């Protein structure tokens, strides 16, 4: 039996986050399907803007990526033309926005609208940083329902989705002319193509990253947190050492035990380099790789949904990024109006053409076959838990994967990983 001290080092408990959660506002729980627009419970009534005076300016935080900034500039210029409201754009890295909001927004230095992912929805709610939104059914029409749900928490709609992403199978058509329907067949092809001496491989993936690997635990019946009949997550129910999760881990381990499939020590950077050099048949990646892969492989690059395992579709994580209205904004109605404008059908098409991100709307077609391959996989993707406790799973599971891929017993390793997560959940406040 492995000792916990051998498997995992001590992980710092996010005490600051715990304090912020404890100090967060007492939020009401609402049904996001309600069509009542009374504006009660502090929600933004999006039908009352006719009587609200327009502000001279709205401030938004946009991801500090050149393509995102250019897209935001073009769309907000259109908004200014239509409304007369000037939109001030401030570049801000996604990874820094939540912490900055906690400090700046209460002091009146924050934005009216900010841009973050689904993983922050829970903590934004608990900290009282994102204003609850009350959208009508007409306003919600056209958005991907899973994307809307990903930006909600405890029945409260908090964000308006702009784009979605997930992982899929990227392959070199010169090496794999036709992708097989099953994962078992793909692994057989991988063995045939692999020549370790020549640095050639049939299949590679960043297997030490739980973000990419959870789908193999999931397809066998594993799960992160249990859910109730309303879809709310229960951090006290951790399924990462369940029988299904163990079976999935054994499957992953089998590919590394056989040198003809995946060699140990493969990182994302190594995988990308080999694939771009034309030395790998297929890899697991996401839309963020399309540009560089396309530049390297040209028309030889293909993107398709993952082959099935035991007749089941693999379900990678669905990532959703969208616009949140600051709880501290004095112009919540107009900030919401701007978010809806930026993500309407016309402007979503424009944004996709400029930044290449996959639309979070079902009424927008994606013509590029590479992006369309990702879009097809989103039909079988699942959102990662958006409760604050989700941040406690990544490090223990990364450690678990390292030991599993080095040949340790999957059941023992996963049980110890879950013990580590449970201990942190208790300290975080998930268990009373």
Protein backbone atom coordinates (compact mmCIF):
# COMPACT_ATOMS: atom_id res chain seq x y z
CA UNK A 1 0.00 0.00 0.00
CA UNK A 2 1.40 3.36 -0.98
CA UNK A 3 1.81 5.94 1.73
CA UNK A 4 0.15 9.29 1.24
CA UNK A 5 3.42 11.01 1.95
CA UNK A 6 4.95 9.14 -0.97
CA UNK A 7 2.14 9.92 -3.37
CA UNK A 8 1.37 13.53 -2.67
CA UNK A 9 3.17 16.49 -1.20
CA UNK A 10 1.33 18.90 1.03
CA UNK A 11 -0.96 21.16 -0.98
CA UNK A 12 -1.70 24.63 0.30
CA UNK A 13 -5.36 25.05 1.17
CA UNK A 14 -6.83 28.14 -0.46
CA UNK A 15 -7.63 29.91 2.80
CA UNK A 16 -8.14 33.25 1.11
CA UNK A 17 -10.79 31.73 -1.14
CA UNK A 18 -12.48 30.18 1.88
CA UNK A 19 -12.64 33.54 3.63
CA UNK A 20 -14.05 35.20 0.55
CA UNK A 21 -16.72 32.52 0.24
CA UNK A 22 -17.62 32.91 3.88
CA UNK A 23 -18.00 36.65 3.37
CA UNK A 24 -20.02 36.36 0.17
CA UNK A 25 -23.58 37.63 -0.06
CA UNK A 26 -26.58 35.54 0.88
CA UNK A 27 -27.80 34.84 -2.64
CA UNK A 28 -31.29 33.60 -3.51
CA UNK A 29 -31.75 30.39 -5.48
CA UNK A 30 -33.74 30.94 -8.65
CA UNK A 31 -35.05 28.84 -11.47
CA UNK A 32 -33.33 29.98 -14.66
CA UNK A 33 -36.34 28.83 -16.65
CA UNK A 34 -38.67 31.27 -14.92
CA UNK A 35 -40.14 33.79 -17.31
CA UNK A 36 -41.14 36.13 -14.48
CA UNK A 37 -39.44 39.48 -15.02
CA UNK A 38 -40.42 41.24 -11.84
CA UNK A 39 -36.81 42.15 -11.09
CA UNK A 40 -37.05 40.77 -7.54
CA UNK A 41 -34.18 39.32 -5.52
CA UNK A 42 -31.73 41.75 -7.07
CA UNK A 43 -31.82 40.10 -10.49
CA UNK A 44 -31.44 42.32 -13.54
CA UNK A 45 -34.77 42.92 -15.21
CA UNK A 46 -33.78 43.16 -18.85
CA UNK A 47 -37.17 44.58 -19.85
CA UNK A 48 -36.93 47.81 -17.88
CA UNK A 49 -34.18 49.54 -19.85
CA UNK A 50 -36.53 51.91 -21.64
CA UNK A 51 -36.84 54.04 -18.51
CA UNK A 52 -33.15 53.87 -17.54
CA UNK A 53 -30.87 56.72 -18.50
CA UNK A 54 -28.05 55.68 -20.76
CA UNK A 55 -24.57 55.98 -19.31
CA UNK A 56 -21.95 57.86 -21.28
CA UNK A 57 -19.54 54.95 -21.01
CA UNK A 58 -19.28 51.27 -20.12
CA UNK A 59 -16.02 49.61 -19.11
CA UNK A 60 -15.29 46.01 -20.08
CA UNK A 61 -12.39 43.70 -19.37
CA UNK A 62 -11.38 41.67 -22.42
CA UNK A 63 -8.94 38.78 -22.61
CA UNK A 64 -5.52 40.23 -23.44
CA UNK A 65 -5.26 38.29 -26.66
CA UNK A 66 -4.77 40.27 -29.88
CA UNK A 67 -7.55 38.52 -31.77
CA UNK A 68 -10.00 38.78 -28.87
CA UNK A 69 -9.24 42.47 -28.47
CA UNK A 70 -9.71 43.25 -32.17
CA UNK A 71 -13.02 41.38 -32.25
CA UNK A 72 -14.23 43.21 -29.14
CA UNK A 73 -13.19 46.56 -30.60
CA UNK A 74 -15.11 46.00 -33.82
CA UNK A 75 -18.28 44.78 -32.14
CA UNK A 76 -18.33 47.49 -29.47
CA UNK A 77 -17.87 50.17 -32.12
CA UNK A 78 -21.12 48.93 -33.64
CA UNK A 79 -22.75 49.12 -30.21
CA UNK A 80 -21.60 52.72 -29.80
CA UNK A 81 -23.04 53.59 -33.20
CA UNK A 82 -26.41 52.12 -32.24
CA UNK A 83 -26.67 53.39 -28.66
CA UNK A 84 -24.30 56.30 -28.31
CA UNK A 85 -22.62 54.57 -25.35
CA UNK A 86 -18.82 54.56 -25.52
CA UNK A 87 -17.26 51.23 -24.56
CA UNK A 88 -13.88 51.42 -22.84
CA UNK A 89 -11.91 48.21 -23.38
CA UNK A 90 -9.25 47.17 -20.87
CA UNK A 91 -7.07 44.15 -21.74
CA UNK A 92 -6.97 41.69 -18.83
CA UNK A 93 -5.67 38.12 -18.71
CA UNK A 94 -8.38 35.58 -17.90
CA UNK A 95 -6.25 34.09 -15.16
CA UNK A 96 -5.98 37.44 -13.36
CA UNK A 97 -9.51 38.80 -13.65
CA UNK A 98 -11.18 37.11 -10.68
CA UNK A 99 -8.53 38.17 -8.16
CA UNK A 100 -8.49 41.69 -9.57
CA UNK A 101 -12.28 41.88 -9.34
CA UNK A 102 -12.15 40.92 -5.68
CA UNK A 103 -9.88 43.89 -5.00
CA UNK A 104 -10.96 46.50 -7.55
CA UNK A 105 -14.70 46.10 -7.91
CA UNK A 106 -15.67 46.87 -4.28
CA UNK A 107 -13.46 49.96 -4.48
CA UNK A 108 -15.27 51.20 -7.58
CA UNK A 109 -12.39 50.51 -9.96
CA UNK A 110 -13.83 47.42 -11.59
CA UNK A 111 -15.54 46.94 -14.96
CA UNK A 112 -19.20 46.88 -15.83
CA UNK A 113 -18.68 43.71 -17.84
CA UNK A 114 -15.95 41.10 -17.68
CA UNK A 115 -15.01 37.95 -19.60
CA UNK A 116 -14.35 34.63 -17.83
CA UNK A 117 -14.85 30.88 -18.12
CA UNK A 118 -17.38 28.48 -16.64
CA UNK A 119 -14.93 27.25 -14.02
CA UNK A 120 -15.22 30.53 -12.16
CA UNK A 121 -19.05 30.66 -12.06
CA UNK A 122 -19.27 29.10 -8.60
CA UNK A 123 -16.68 31.28 -6.92
CA UNK A 124 -17.98 34.42 -8.65
CA UNK A 125 -21.38 33.65 -7.16
CA UNK A 126 -20.08 32.88 -3.68
CA UNK A 127 -17.92 36.02 -3.62
CA UNK A 128 -20.74 38.20 -4.91
CA UNK A 129 -18.76 39.44 -7.90
CA UNK A 130 -21.17 38.56 -10.71
CA UNK A 131 -24.67 40.00 -10.80
CA UNK A 132 -27.52 37.48 -11.18
CA UNK A 133 -29.18 37.83 -14.58
CA UNK A 134 -32.83 37.40 -15.38
CA UNK A 135 -33.11 36.58 -19.07
CA UNK A 136 -36.36 35.93 -20.88
CA UNK A 137 -36.86 32.78 -22.92
CA UNK A 138 -36.68 34.92 -26.05
CA UNK A 139 -33.30 36.29 -25.00
CA UNK A 140 -31.96 32.81 -24.22
CA UNK A 141 -33.12 31.41 -27.56
CA UNK A 142 -30.26 30.57 -29.89
CA UNK A 143 -27.66 29.95 -27.18
CA UNK A 144 -26.29 26.47 -26.59
CA UNK A 145 -28.26 25.23 -23.56
CA UNK A 146 -25.25 23.44 -22.11
CA UNK A 147 -23.27 26.67 -22.40
CA UNK A 148 -25.99 28.60 -20.58
CA UNK A 149 -26.05 25.98 -17.82
CA UNK A 150 -22.26 26.12 -17.53
CA UNK A 151 -22.47 29.83 -16.71
CA UNK A 152 -25.14 29.34 -14.05
CA UNK A 153 -24.83 28.33 -10.42
CA UNK A 154 -27.43 27.16 -7.90
CA UNK A 155 -30.16 27.93 -10.38
CA UNK A 156 -28.97 31.48 -11.00
CA UNK A 157 -27.91 32.57 -14.48
CA UNK A 158 -24.71 34.55 -14.11
CA UNK A 159 -23.06 34.70 -17.49
CA UNK A 160 -23.96 35.02 -21.16
CA UNK A 161 -21.93 32.53 -23.22
CA UNK A 162 -19.73 33.72 -26.06
CA UNK A 163 -17.78 30.64 -27.14
CA UNK A 164 -17.36 26.95 -26.41
CA UNK A 165 -14.46 24.57 -26.79
CA UNK A 166 -13.56 20.98 -26.15
CA UNK A 167 -10.93 18.47 -27.22
CA UNK A 168 -11.14 16.21 -30.26
CA UNK A 169 -8.97 13.91 -32.35
CA UNK A 170 -6.47 15.70 -34.60
CA UNK A 171 -4.92 13.45 -37.23
CA UNK A 172 -2.51 13.47 -40.14
CA UNK A 173 -4.36 12.31 -43.24
CA UNK A 174 -1.10 11.19 -44.86
CA UNK A 175 -0.57 8.68 -42.05
CA UNK A 176 -4.18 7.86 -41.19
CA UNK A 177 -6.28 8.33 -44.35
CA UNK A 178 -9.47 7.29 -42.60
CA UNK A 179 -10.09 7.48 -38.87
CA UNK A 180 -11.57 4.28 -37.41
CA UNK A 181 -14.89 4.29 -35.58
CA UNK A 182 -13.62 2.61 -32.40
CA UNK A 183 -10.81 3.42 -30.02
CA UNK A 184 -9.59 -0.17 -30.11
CA UNK A 185 -9.06 0.10 -33.87
CA UNK A 186 -7.25 3.41 -33.42
CA UNK A 187 -4.84 1.80 -30.97
CA UNK A 188 -4.10 -0.99 -33.44
CA UNK A 189 -3.28 1.58 -36.10
CA UNK A 190 -1.12 3.42 -33.56
CA UNK A 191 0.93 0.29 -32.93
CA UNK A 192 1.49 -0.23 -36.65
CA UNK A 193 2.68 3.34 -37.18
CA UNK A 194 4.96 3.56 -34.13
CA UNK A 195 8.70 3.30 -34.67
CA UNK A 196 10.38 4.51 -31.50
CA UNK A 197 13.90 4.39 -32.99
CA UNK A 198 12.85 6.83 -35.70
CA UNK A 199 10.86 8.99 -33.32
CA UNK A 200 7.59 8.12 -35.06
CA UNK A 201 4.36 7.43 -33.22
CA UNK A 202 0.85 6.45 -34.14
CA UNK A 203 -0.88 8.27 -31.29
CA UNK A 204 0.08 10.70 -28.52
CA UNK A 205 -1.77 12.70 -25.87
CA UNK A 206 -0.86 14.78 -22.79
CA UNK A 207 -1.69 11.90 -20.47
CA UNK A 208 -0.39 13.51 -17.27
CA UNK A 209 -3.06 16.21 -17.46
CA UNK A 210 -6.39 15.30 -15.86
CA UNK A 211 -8.15 17.85 -18.08
CA UNK A 212 -7.50 15.56 -21.05
CA UNK A 213 -7.74 12.22 -19.27
CA UNK A 214 -10.98 12.48 -17.34
CA UNK A 215 -12.97 11.34 -20.40
CA UNK A 216 -11.44 7.85 -20.10
CA UNK A 217 -12.52 7.57 -16.46
CA UNK A 218 -15.92 8.98 -17.37
CA UNK A 219 -16.59 6.55 -20.23
CA UNK A 220 -16.14 3.63 -17.82
CA UNK A 221 -18.51 5.13 -15.24
CA UNK A 222 -16.25 7.30 -13.11
CA UNK A 223 -17.28 10.81 -12.07
CA UNK A 224 -15.85 13.81 -10.25
CA UNK A 225 -18.71 14.99 -8.03
CA UNK A 226 -22.13 13.43 -7.71
CA UNK A 227 -25.19 15.38 -8.84
CA UNK A 228 -28.70 15.61 -7.43
CA UNK A 229 -31.86 15.40 -9.56
CA UNK A 230 -31.63 19.14 -10.24
CA UNK A 231 -28.08 18.93 -11.57
CA UNK A 232 -26.42 20.53 -8.54
CA UNK A 233 -23.03 19.10 -7.58
CA UNK A 234 -22.33 17.46 -4.24
CA UNK A 235 -18.69 17.94 -3.20
CA UNK A 236 -19.13 15.29 -0.50
CA UNK A 237 -19.67 12.63 -3.20
CA UNK A 238 -16.39 12.10 -5.06
CA UNK A 239 -16.39 9.36 -7.70
CA UNK A 240 -12.76 9.42 -8.81
CA UNK A 241 -12.00 6.12 -7.09
CA UNK A 242 -15.25 4.38 -8.06
CA UNK A 243 -15.13 1.07 -9.90
CA UNK A 244 -15.67 2.87 -13.20
CA UNK A 245 -12.86 5.34 -12.56
CA UNK A 246 -10.50 2.49 -11.68
CA UNK A 247 -11.39 0.66 -14.90
CA UNK A 248 -10.72 3.81 -16.89
CA UNK A 249 -7.36 4.27 -15.18
CA UNK A 250 -6.41 0.68 -15.99
CA UNK A 251 -7.22 1.33 -19.63
CA UNK A 252 -4.96 4.40 -19.68
CA UNK A 253 -2.21 2.47 -17.93
CA UNK A 254 -2.36 -0.30 -20.52
CA UNK A 255 -1.34 2.10 -23.30
CA UNK A 256 1.81 3.04 -21.42
CA UNK A 257 2.74 -0.49 -20.45
CA UNK A 258 2.90 -1.29 -24.16
CA UNK A 259 5.84 0.58 -25.71
CA UNK A 260 4.14 0.31 -29.10
CA UNK A 261 1.43 2.80 -28.11
CA UNK A 262 2.53 5.77 -25.95
CA UNK A 263 6.00 6.27 -24.49
CA UNK A 264 6.32 7.61 -20.93
CA UNK A 265 7.17 11.23 -20.26
CA UNK A 266 5.26 12.74 -23.19
CA UNK A 267 4.35 16.38 -22.54
CA UNK A 268 2.06 18.64 -24.53
CA UNK A 269 4.99 20.54 -26.02
CA UNK A 270 6.75 17.37 -27.13
CA UNK A 271 3.52 16.03 -28.60
CA UNK A 272 2.88 19.25 -30.52
CA UNK A 273 6.38 19.35 -31.94
CA UNK A 274 6.30 15.76 -33.17
CA UNK A 275 2.83 16.14 -34.66
CA UNK A 276 3.75 19.35 -36.50
CA UNK A 277 6.84 17.58 -37.85
CA UNK A 278 4.60 14.92 -39.39
CA UNK A 279 5.85 12.15 -37.08
CA UNK A 280 2.58 11.35 -35.29
CA UNK A 281 -0.59 9.86 -36.72
CA UNK A 282 -3.06 11.37 -34.27
CA UNK A 283 -3.14 13.45 -31.09
CA UNK A 284 -5.63 14.80 -28.57
CA UNK A 285 -5.91 18.58 -28.54
CA UNK A 286 -8.34 21.48 -28.82
CA UNK A 287 -9.21 24.43 -31.07
CA UNK A 288 -6.29 26.42 -29.67
CA UNK A 289 -3.98 24.15 -31.73
CA UNK A 290 -5.74 24.49 -35.08
CA UNK A 291 -3.74 27.51 -36.27
CA UNK A 292 -0.28 26.07 -35.59
CA UNK A 293 -1.20 22.56 -36.74
CA UNK A 294 -2.74 23.92 -39.95
CA UNK A 295 0.37 25.98 -40.65
CA UNK A 296 2.56 22.90 -40.27
CA UNK A 297 0.44 20.23 -41.97
CA UNK A 298 -1.75 22.17 -44.37
CA UNK A 299 -4.47 20.10 -46.01
CA UNK A 300 -3.11 16.95 -44.36
CA UNK A 301 -4.68 18.03 -41.05
CA UNK A 302 -8.03 16.58 -40.04
CA UNK A 303 -10.18 17.01 -36.92
CA UNK A 304 -12.95 14.61 -35.94
CA UNK A 305 -14.85 13.54 -32.82
CA UNK A 306 -13.20 10.79 -30.80
CA UNK A 307 -13.79 7.15 -31.76
CA UNK A 308 -16.07 5.28 -29.37
CA UNK A 309 -15.08 2.98 -26.52
CA UNK A 310 -17.39 0.00 -25.84
CA UNK A 311 -19.91 1.66 -28.13
CA UNK A 312 -19.96 4.84 -26.02
CA UNK A 313 -18.94 8.34 -27.03
CA UNK A 314 -16.07 9.86 -25.11
CA UNK A 315 -17.12 12.99 -23.23
CA UNK A 316 -14.26 15.47 -22.82
CA UNK A 317 -14.74 18.64 -20.80
CA UNK A 318 -16.79 21.39 -22.38
CA UNK A 319 -15.21 24.79 -21.84
CA UNK A 320 -17.43 27.86 -21.97
CA UNK A 321 -16.29 31.47 -21.90
CA UNK A 322 -18.72 34.34 -21.62
CA UNK A 323 -19.62 37.76 -20.30
CA UNK A 324 -20.46 38.48 -16.68
CA UNK A 325 -22.01 41.67 -15.32
CA UNK A 326 -20.26 43.04 -12.25
CA UNK A 327 -22.34 43.10 -9.08
CA UNK A 328 -20.72 46.47 -8.39
CA UNK A 329 -21.64 48.04 -11.72
CA UNK A 330 -23.96 51.03 -11.56
CA UNK A 331 -25.15 50.21 -15.09
CA UNK A 332 -26.20 46.57 -14.82
CA UNK A 333 -29.01 46.85 -17.35
CA UNK A 334 -26.81 48.41 -20.03
CA UNK A 335 -23.93 46.03 -19.30
CA UNK A 336 -26.34 43.14 -19.85
CA UNK A 337 -27.62 44.79 -23.01
CA UNK A 338 -24.05 45.06 -24.29
CA UNK A 339 -23.33 41.39 -23.49
CA UNK A 340 -26.45 40.30 -25.38
CA UNK A 341 -25.47 42.54 -28.29
CA UNK A 342 -21.93 41.15 -28.44
CA UNK A 343 -23.22 37.58 -28.50
CA UNK A 344 -26.20 37.94 -30.82
CA UNK A 345 -26.23 35.94 -34.06
CA UNK A 346 -24.73 38.63 -36.30
CA UNK A 347 -21.93 39.60 -33.95
CA UNK A 348 -21.15 36.01 -33.02
CA UNK A 349 -20.50 35.31 -36.70
CA UNK A 350 -18.23 38.36 -36.89
CA UNK A 351 -16.38 37.38 -33.72
CA UNK A 352 -15.84 33.81 -34.95
CA UNK A 353 -14.40 35.11 -38.21
CA UNK A 354 -11.99 37.35 -36.30
CA UNK A 355 -10.84 35.19 -33.38
CA UNK A 356 -11.61 31.68 -34.62
CA UNK A 357 -13.44 30.64 -31.47
CA UNK A 358 -16.37 28.26 -31.69
CA UNK A 359 -19.70 30.04 -31.22
CA UNK A 360 -21.85 29.31 -28.19
CA UNK A 361 -24.93 29.71 -30.36
CA UNK A 362 -26.80 26.94 -32.15
CA UNK A 363 -28.05 29.29 -34.86
CA UNK A 364 -24.54 30.02 -36.19
CA UNK A 365 -22.98 27.64 -38.69
CA UNK A 366 -19.27 26.86 -38.73
CA UNK A 367 -18.10 26.24 -42.29
CA UNK A 368 -14.44 25.43 -41.58
CA UNK A 369 -14.20 21.63 -41.43
CA UNK A 370 -11.48 21.75 -38.76
CA UNK A 371 -13.54 23.86 -36.37
CA UNK A 372 -16.61 21.87 -37.34
CA UNK A 373 -14.88 18.72 -36.08
CA UNK A 374 -14.56 20.37 -32.67
CA UNK A 375 -18.16 21.55 -32.85
CA UNK A 376 -19.38 18.02 -33.53
CA UNK A 377 -17.50 16.78 -30.45
CA UNK A 378 -19.20 19.42 -28.27
CA UNK A 379 -22.40 17.39 -28.68
CA UNK A 380 -20.79 14.76 -26.47
CA UNK A 381 -18.78 17.03 -24.17
CA UNK A 382 -19.66 17.69 -20.52
CA UNK A 383 -19.07 20.73 -18.39
CA UNK A 384 -16.59 20.34 -15.58
CA UNK A 385 -18.11 21.00 -12.14
CA UNK A 386 -18.39 24.75 -11.65
CA UNK A 387 -18.51 24.66 -7.87
CA UNK A 388 -15.51 26.23 -6.09
CA UNK A 389 -14.38 22.82 -4.80
CA UNK A 390 -13.47 21.78 -8.32
CA UNK A 391 -10.18 23.65 -7.91
CA UNK A 392 -9.17 21.04 -5.34
CA UNK A 393 -9.15 18.08 -7.77
CA UNK A 394 -6.47 19.03 -10.27
CA UNK A 395 -3.24 18.63 -8.29
CA UNK A 396 -4.18 15.34 -6.58
CA UNK A 397 -5.32 13.85 -9.90
CA UNK A 398 -2.17 15.01 -11.65
CA UNK A 399 -0.15 13.21 -9.00
CA UNK A 400 -2.36 10.15 -9.32
CA UNK A 401 -1.88 9.98 -13.08
CA UNK A 402 1.89 10.20 -12.71
CA UNK A 403 1.93 7.16 -10.44
CA UNK A 404 -0.59 5.22 -12.51
CA UNK A 405 1.38 5.78 -15.71
CA UNK A 406 4.51 4.62 -13.90
CA UNK A 407 2.84 1.29 -13.15
CA UNK A 408 1.40 1.68 -9.62
CA UNK A 409 -1.92 0.07 -8.73
CA UNK A 410 -4.72 2.33 -10.08
CA UNK A 411 -7.18 1.51 -7.31
CA UNK A 412 -4.77 2.28 -4.48
CA UNK A 413 -3.54 5.46 -6.15
CA UNK A 414 -7.03 6.79 -6.88
CA UNK A 415 -8.25 6.00 -3.37
CA UNK A 416 -5.40 8.03 -1.91
CA UNK A 417 -6.06 10.86 -4.36
CA UNK A 418 -9.70 10.95 -3.26
CA UNK A 419 -8.65 10.98 0.40
CA UNK A 420 -6.49 14.00 -0.34
CA UNK A 421 -9.37 15.76 -2.11
CA UNK A 422 -11.81 14.91 0.68
CA UNK A 423 -9.44 16.33 3.28
CA UNK A 424 -9.19 19.58 1.35
CA UNK A 425 -12.95 19.73 0.83
CA UNK A 426 -13.45 19.43 4.59
CA UNK A 427 -11.02 22.25 5.25
CA UNK A 428 -12.56 24.30 2.48
CA UNK A 429 -15.98 23.91 4.05
CA UNK A 430 -17.59 21.26 1.88
CA UNK A 431 -18.12 19.02 4.92
CA UNK A 432 -19.49 20.43 8.14
